[in-house]
Amino acid sequence: MSLTRQKVTLIGNFALFFGPLILVMLMRSSWWQYQPANLKNQGHLVQPPVHLALEHKQAQEVEGKWLILYMLAQPCDQACIDHATLLRQIHRASGRERDHLAVALLGPGNMESGLREKLESIYPEFILIPDTAATASETLAAVNTVVAENTGDTSSIHTYVLDPMLNVILAYGANTNPSGIHKDLKRLLKWSDQEKTR
């Protein structure tokens, strides 16, 4: 066997045995950021994230959890109640991640007792947040303005995803399918678990 042929054989054997190992190491490294087009967010990415200041009691209830936040319409009509009901399904479908996720409904400080009772009967695990000083609503209105400027989407936005530090990171238009929000959350929770194990 010629020397050249021996070299080709040696290189071939090296590639056969070490190629897959090198590829796996590269894919697990932090610089490998390939993301197929079909894995894009369903919501609008809020850049930079905006911190949402909540009153002490409400902040304690959601502390350390990923949060789906829905700003109730004023008044909260049937469409508003139907949307809140759909968000309940996301929480129920979260499986083992359910303990790391909460659904909060942001309403006026003087929320009618009838509306409160209706929402609690729909889903006792809803966290009802009264926006007494309207500061949260003002922050979210500013988020909507930034999203509209960055994306050109001027549709009504009432649903948001917040990270465990209460930073608004995703915003959703009124016509967003809740299954899209669920997909985004599954990816975020999976990514969060991977970061914890690093």
C-alpha atoms as a PDB file:
ATOM      1  CA  MET A   1       0.000   0.000   0.000  1.00  0.00           C
ATOM      2  CA  SER A   2       1.418   3.388  -1.003  1.00  0.00           C
ATOM      3  CA  LEU A   3       2.197   6.117   1.541  1.00  0.00           C
ATOM      4  CA  THR A   4      -0.462   8.436   0.053  1.00  0.00           C
ATOM      5  CA  ARG A   5      -3.107   5.745   0.320  1.00  0.00           C
ATOM      6  CA  GLN A   6      -2.131   5.094   3.939  1.00  0.00           C
ATOM      7  CA  LYS A   7      -2.571   8.818   4.722  1.00  0.00           C
ATOM      8  CA  VAL A   8      -6.020   8.885   3.102  1.00  0.00           C
ATOM      9  CA  THR A   9      -7.035   5.785   5.077  1.00  0.00           C
ATOM     10  CA  LEU A  10      -5.726   7.287   8.317  1.00  0.00           C
ATOM     11  CA  ILE A  11      -7.593  10.585   7.742  1.00  0.00           C
ATOM     12  CA  GLY A  12     -10.753   8.684   6.834  1.00  0.00           C
ATOM     13  CA  ASN A  13     -10.588   6.601  10.028  1.00  0.00           C
ATOM     14  CA  PHE A  14      -9.965   9.745  12.092  1.00  0.00           C
ATOM     15  CA  ALA A  15     -12.983  11.502  10.538  1.00  0.00           C
ATOM     16  CA  LEU A  16     -15.163   8.412  11.012  1.00  0.00           C
ATOM     17  CA  PHE A  17     -14.409   8.010  14.714  1.00  0.00           C
ATOM     18  CA  PHE A  18     -13.761  11.559  15.891  1.00  0.00           C
ATOM     19  CA  GLY A  19     -15.988  13.553  13.504  1.00  0.00           C
ATOM     20  CA  PRO A  20     -19.287  12.873  15.347  1.00  0.00           C
ATOM     21  CA  LEU A  21     -17.614  13.578  18.713  1.00  0.00           C
ATOM     22  CA  ILE A  22     -16.296  16.944  17.515  1.00  0.00           C
ATOM     23  CA  LEU A  23     -19.698  17.821  16.022  1.00  0.00           C
ATOM     24  CA  VAL A  24     -21.498  17.063  19.303  1.00  0.00           C
ATOM     25  CA  MET A  25     -18.995  19.158  21.250  1.00  0.00           C
ATOM     26  CA  LEU A  26     -19.498  22.080  18.863  1.00  0.00           C
ATOM     27  CA  MET A  27     -23.289  21.832  19.047  1.00  0.00           C
ATOM     28  CA  ARG A  28     -23.213  21.883  22.858  1.00  0.00           C
ATOM     29  CA  SER A  29     -20.883  24.880  22.976  1.00  0.00           C
ATOM     30  CA  SER A  30     -22.359  28.304  23.776  1.00  0.00           C
ATOM     31  CA  TRP A  31     -21.583  29.819  20.362  1.00  0.00           C
ATOM     32  CA  TRP A  32     -23.801  27.349  18.497  1.00  0.00           C
ATOM     33  CA  GLN A  33     -26.973  29.435  18.128  1.00  0.00           C
ATOM     34  CA  TYR A  34     -28.657  27.865  15.121  1.00  0.00           C
ATOM     35  CA  GLN A  35     -32.415  28.242  15.356  1.00  0.00           C
ATOM     36  CA  PRO A  36     -34.665  27.008  12.534  1.00  0.00           C
ATOM     37  CA  ALA A  37     -37.211  29.477  11.183  1.00  0.00           C
ATOM     38  CA  ASN A  38     -40.109  27.439  12.536  1.00  0.00           C
ATOM     39  CA  LEU A  39     -38.844  27.996  16.104  1.00  0.00           C
ATOM     40  CA  LYS A  40     -39.392  31.758  16.010  1.00  0.00           C
ATOM     41  CA  ASN A  41     -41.309  33.402  18.829  1.00  0.00           C
ATOM     42  CA  GLN A  42     -45.047  33.658  18.396  1.00  0.00           C
ATOM     43  CA  GLY A  43     -45.005  36.902  20.375  1.00  0.00           C
ATOM     44  CA  HIS A  44     -43.104  40.144  19.881  1.00  0.00           C
ATOM     45  CA  LEU A  45     -39.747  40.221  21.650  1.00  0.00           C
ATOM     46  CA  VAL A  46     -39.518  43.230  23.961  1.00  0.00           C
ATOM     47  CA  GLN A  47     -36.021  44.701  23.487  1.00  0.00           C
ATOM     48  CA  PRO A  48     -34.717  45.698  25.928  1.00  0.00           C
ATOM     49  CA  PRO A  49     -36.899  43.890  28.490  1.00  0.00           C
ATOM     50  CA  VAL A  50     -38.965  46.225  30.677  1.00  0.00           C
ATOM     51  CA  HIS A  51     -39.253  45.683  34.425  1.00  0.00           C
ATOM     52  CA  LEU A  52     -42.825  45.710  35.757  1.00  0.00           C
ATOM     53  CA  ALA A  53     -43.061  47.065  39.290  1.00  0.00           C
ATOM     54  CA  LEU A  54     -45.845  45.404  41.283  1.00  0.00           C
ATOM     55  CA  GLU A  55     -47.073  46.108  44.775  1.00  0.00           C
ATOM     56  CA  HIS A  56     -45.238  44.113  47.432  1.00  0.00           C
ATOM     57  CA  LYS A  57     -48.020  41.566  48.085  1.00  0.00           C
ATOM     58  CA  GLN A  58     -48.547  40.759  44.385  1.00  0.00           C
ATOM     59  CA  ALA A  59     -44.803  40.579  43.729  1.00  0.00           C
ATOM     60  CA  GLN A  60     -44.473  37.985  46.487  1.00  0.00           C
ATOM     61  CA  GLU A  61     -47.210  35.813  44.941  1.00  0.00           C
ATOM     62  CA  VAL A  62     -45.403  35.548  41.605  1.00  0.00           C
ATOM     63  CA  GLU A  63     -41.828  35.743  42.860  1.00  0.00           C
ATOM     64  CA  GLY A  64     -39.442  33.410  41.035  1.00  0.00           C
ATOM     65  CA  LYS A  65     -42.058  32.239  38.498  1.00  0.00           C
ATOM     66  CA  TRP A  66     -42.525  32.765  34.801  1.00  0.00           C
ATOM     67  CA  LEU A  67     -45.676  34.813  34.411  1.00  0.00           C
ATOM     68  CA  ILE A  68     -48.424  35.102  31.830  1.00  0.00           C
ATOM     69  CA  LEU A  69     -49.961  38.519  32.442  1.00  0.00           C
ATOM     70  CA  TYR A  70     -53.284  39.546  30.925  1.00  0.00           C
ATOM     71  CA  MET A  71     -54.454  43.134  31.213  1.00  0.00           C
ATOM     72  CA  LEU A  72     -58.229  42.994  31.604  1.00  0.00           C
ATOM     73  CA  ALA A  73     -60.264  45.243  29.318  1.00  0.00           C
ATOM     74  CA  GLN A  74     -62.292  48.021  30.937  1.00  0.00           C
ATOM     75  CA  PRO A  75     -65.031  46.973  31.278  1.00  0.00           C
ATOM     76  CA  CYS A  76     -64.204  43.260  31.120  1.00  0.00           C
ATOM     77  CA  ASP A  77     -66.816  42.002  28.649  1.00  0.00           C
ATOM     78  CA  GLN A  78     -67.438  38.432  27.498  1.00  0.00           C
ATOM     79  CA  ALA A  79     -64.513  38.527  25.027  1.00  0.00           C
ATOM     80  CA  CYS A  80     -62.218  39.563  27.890  1.00  0.00           C
ATOM     81  CA  ILE A  81     -63.480  36.694  30.081  1.00  0.00           C
ATOM     82  CA  ASP A  82     -63.154  34.228  27.182  1.00  0.00           C
ATOM     83  CA  HIS A  83     -59.508  35.226  26.655  1.00  0.00           C
ATOM     84  CA  ALA A  84     -58.729  34.787  30.352  1.00  0.00           C
ATOM     85  CA  THR A  85     -60.333  31.332  30.156  1.00  0.00           C
ATOM     86  CA  LEU A  86     -58.041  30.372  27.259  1.00  0.00           C
ATOM     87  CA  LEU A  87     -54.984  31.424  29.273  1.00  0.00           C
ATOM     88  CA  ARG A  88     -56.138  29.063  32.018  1.00  0.00           C
ATOM     89  CA  GLN A  89     -55.679  26.212  29.532  1.00  0.00           C
ATOM     90  CA  ILE A  90     -52.000  27.125  29.032  1.00  0.00           C
ATOM     91  CA  HIS A  91     -51.375  26.782  32.762  1.00  0.00           C
ATOM     92  CA  ARG A  92     -53.236  23.475  32.936  1.00  0.00           C
ATOM     93  CA  ALA A  93     -51.296  22.106  29.951  1.00  0.00           C
ATOM     94  CA  SER A  94     -47.890  22.969  31.428  1.00  0.00           C
ATOM     95  CA  GLY A  95     -47.444  19.586  33.102  1.00  0.00           C
ATOM     96  CA  ARG A  96     -44.430  19.318  35.393  1.00  0.00           C
ATOM     97  CA  GLU A  97     -43.521  22.962  34.674  1.00  0.00           C
ATOM     98  CA  ARG A  98     -46.788  24.193  36.160  1.00  0.00           C
ATOM     99  CA  ASP A  99     -45.189  25.019  39.525  1.00  0.00           C
ATOM    100  CA  HIS A 100     -42.787  27.407  37.749  1.00  0.00           C
ATOM    101  CA  LEU A 101     -45.555  29.280  35.945  1.00  0.00           C
ATOM    102  CA  ALA A 102     -48.389  31.583  37.044  1.00  0.00           C
ATOM    103  CA  VAL A 103     -51.243  33.354  35.269  1.00  0.00           C
ATOM    104  CA  ALA A 104     -52.011  36.856  36.517  1.00  0.00           C
ATOM    105  CA  LEU A 105     -54.882  39.131  35.562  1.00  0.00           C
ATOM    106  CA  LEU A 106     -54.237  42.856  35.898  1.00  0.00           C
ATOM    107  CA  GLY A 107     -57.363  44.851  36.683  1.00  0.00           C
ATOM    108  CA  PRO A 108     -58.421  48.144  38.226  1.00  0.00           C
ATOM    109  CA  GLY A 109     -57.895  48.817  41.906  1.00  0.00           C
ATOM    110  CA  ASN A 110     -61.655  48.965  42.382  1.00  0.00           C
ATOM    111  CA  MET A 111     -62.455  45.659  40.641  1.00  0.00           C
ATOM    112  CA  GLU A 112     -66.129  44.781  41.048  1.00  0.00           C
ATOM    113  CA  SER A 113     -66.718  41.905  43.441  1.00  0.00           C
ATOM    114  CA  GLY A 114     -68.939  40.181  40.829  1.00  0.00           C
ATOM    115  CA  LEU A 115     -66.129  40.165  38.243  1.00  0.00           C
ATOM    116  CA  ARG A 116     -63.609  38.983  40.840  1.00  0.00           C
ATOM    117  CA  GLU A 117     -65.883  36.080  41.853  1.00  0.00           C
ATOM    118  CA  LYS A 118     -66.509  35.134  38.212  1.00  0.00           C
ATOM    119  CA  LEU A 119     -62.793  35.034  37.385  1.00  0.00           C
ATOM    120  CA  GLU A 120     -62.001  33.042  40.537  1.00  0.00           C
ATOM    121  CA  SER A 121     -64.757  30.550  39.658  1.00  0.00           C
ATOM    122  CA  ILE A 122     -63.279  30.113  36.163  1.00  0.00           C
ATOM    123  CA  TYR A 123     -59.862  29.305  37.620  1.00  0.00           C
ATOM    124  CA  PRO A 124     -59.018  29.514  41.323  1.00  0.00           C
ATOM    125  CA  GLU A 125     -55.294  29.660  40.469  1.00  0.00           C
ATOM    126  CA  PHE A 126     -55.617  33.027  38.707  1.00  0.00           C
ATOM    127  CA  ILE A 127     -53.639  35.707  40.541  1.00  0.00           C
ATOM    128  CA  LEU A 128     -55.746  38.866  40.492  1.00  0.00           C
ATOM    129  CA  ILE A 129     -53.592  41.987  40.603  1.00  0.00           C
ATOM    130  CA  PRO A 130     -55.318  45.308  41.319  1.00  0.00           C
ATOM    131  CA  ASP A 131     -53.497  48.138  39.556  1.00  0.00           C
ATOM    132  CA  THR A 132     -54.362  50.647  42.250  1.00  0.00           C
ATOM    133  CA  ALA A 133     -52.065  53.470  41.116  1.00  0.00           C
ATOM    134  CA  ALA A 134     -52.258  52.511  37.392  1.00  0.00           C
ATOM    135  CA  THR A 135     -48.447  52.314  37.289  1.00  0.00           C
ATOM    136  CA  ALA A 136     -48.430  48.797  35.806  1.00  0.00           C
ATOM    137  CA  SER A 137     -50.885  49.853  33.079  1.00  0.00           C
ATOM    138  CA  GLU A 138     -48.684  52.843  32.230  1.00  0.00           C
ATOM    139  CA  THR A 139     -45.596  50.607  31.985  1.00  0.00           C
ATOM    140  CA  LEU A 140     -47.412  48.171  29.688  1.00  0.00           C
ATOM    141  CA  ALA A 141     -48.698  51.037  27.520  1.00  0.00           C
ATOM    142  CA  ALA A 142     -45.051  52.108  27.093  1.00  0.00           C
ATOM    143  CA  VAL A 143     -44.148  48.505  26.163  1.00  0.00           C
ATOM    144  CA  ASN A 144     -46.908  48.516  23.522  1.00  0.00           C
ATOM    145  CA  THR A 145     -45.515  51.744  22.037  1.00  0.00           C
ATOM    146  CA  VAL A 146     -42.015  50.238  21.774  1.00  0.00           C
ATOM    147  CA  VAL A 147     -43.397  47.040  20.197  1.00  0.00           C
ATOM    148  CA  ALA A 148     -45.373  49.087  17.649  1.00  0.00           C
ATOM    149  CA  GLU A 149     -42.269  51.133  16.776  1.00  0.00           C
ATOM    150  CA  ASN A 150     -40.049  48.053  16.419  1.00  0.00           C
ATOM    151  CA  THR A 151     -42.477  45.768  14.584  1.00  0.00           C
ATOM    152  CA  GLY A 152     -45.033  48.010  12.921  1.00  0.00           C
ATOM    153  CA  ASP A 153     -47.751  45.975  14.672  1.00  0.00           C
ATOM    154  CA  THR A 154     -50.267  48.477  16.014  1.00  0.00           C
ATOM    155  CA  SER A 155     -52.858  45.871  16.981  1.00  0.00           C
ATOM    156  CA  SER A 156     -54.133  45.804  20.520  1.00  0.00           C
ATOM    157  CA  ILE A 157     -51.746  44.072  22.942  1.00  0.00           C
ATOM    158  CA  HIS A 158     -53.051  42.820  26.281  1.00  0.00           C
ATOM    159  CA  THR A 159     -51.049  39.625  26.968  1.00  0.00           C
ATOM    160  CA  TYR A 160     -47.432  39.450  28.096  1.00  0.00           C
ATOM    161  CA  VAL A 161     -44.843  36.938  29.277  1.00  0.00           C
ATOM    162  CA  LEU A 162     -42.589  38.002  32.148  1.00  0.00           C
ATOM    163  CA  ASP A 163     -39.461  36.266  33.389  1.00  0.00           C
ATOM    164  CA  PRO A 164     -38.987  35.363  37.091  1.00  0.00           C
ATOM    165  CA  MET A 165     -37.457  38.826  37.692  1.00  0.00           C
ATOM    166  CA  LEU A 166     -40.709  40.458  36.467  1.00  0.00           C
ATOM    167  CA  ASN A 167     -39.184  41.699  33.216  1.00  0.00           C
ATOM    168  CA  VAL A 168     -41.612  41.869  30.285  1.00  0.00           C
ATOM    169  CA  ILE A 169     -39.911  39.887  27.519  1.00  0.00           C
ATOM    170  CA  LEU A 170     -42.742  38.962  25.115  1.00  0.00           C
ATOM    171  CA  ALA A 171     -45.929  40.778  24.083  1.00  0.00           C
ATOM    172  CA  TYR A 172     -48.849  39.292  22.152  1.00  0.00           C
ATOM    173  CA  GLY A 173     -51.400  40.860  19.837  1.00  0.00           C
ATOM    174  CA  ALA A 174     -55.096  40.386  20.497  1.00  0.00           C
ATOM    175  CA  ASN A 175     -55.415  37.741  17.759  1.00  0.00           C
ATOM    176  CA  THR A 176     -52.543  35.543  18.968  1.00  0.00           C
ATOM    177  CA  ASN A 177     -53.566  31.921  19.394  1.00  0.00           C
ATOM    178  CA  PRO A 178     -52.940  30.811  23.010  1.00  0.00           C
ATOM    179  CA  SER A 179     -51.190  27.703  21.652  1.00  0.00           C
ATOM    180  CA  GLY A 180     -48.506  30.061  20.315  1.00  0.00           C
ATOM    181  CA  ILE A 181     -48.008  31.501  23.806  1.00  0.00           C
ATOM    182  CA  HIS A 182     -47.789  27.940  25.137  1.00  0.00           C
ATOM    183  CA  LYS A 183     -45.074  27.062  22.583  1.00  0.00           C
ATOM    184  CA  ASP A 184     -43.024  30.110  23.534  1.00  0.00           C
ATOM    185  CA  LEU A 185     -43.320  29.265  27.223  1.00  0.00           C
ATOM    186  CA  LYS A 186     -42.286  25.655  26.679  1.00  0.00           C
ATOM    187  CA  ARG A 187     -39.109  26.846  24.947  1.00  0.00           C
ATOM    188  CA  LEU A 188     -38.412  29.437  27.647  1.00  0.00           C
ATOM    189  CA  LEU A 189     -38.906  26.942  30.464  1.00  0.00           C
ATOM    190  CA  LYS A 190     -36.731  24.368  28.704  1.00  0.00           C
ATOM    191  CA  TRP A 191     -34.012  26.976  28.158  1.00  0.00           C
ATOM    192  CA  SER A 192     -34.311  28.045  31.811  1.00  0.00           C
ATOM    193  CA  ASP A 193     -33.847  24.436  32.977  1.00  0.00           C
ATOM    194  CA  GLN A 194     -30.760  24.054  30.770  1.00  0.00           C
ATOM    195  CA  GLU A 195     -29.252  27.257  32.178  1.00  0.00           C
ATOM    196  CA  LYS A 196     -29.777  26.011  35.749  1.00  0.00           C
ATOM    197  CA  THR A 197     -27.905  22.775  35.028  1.00  0.00           C
ATOM    198  CA  ARG A 198     -24.866  24.532  33.481  1.00  0.00           C
END
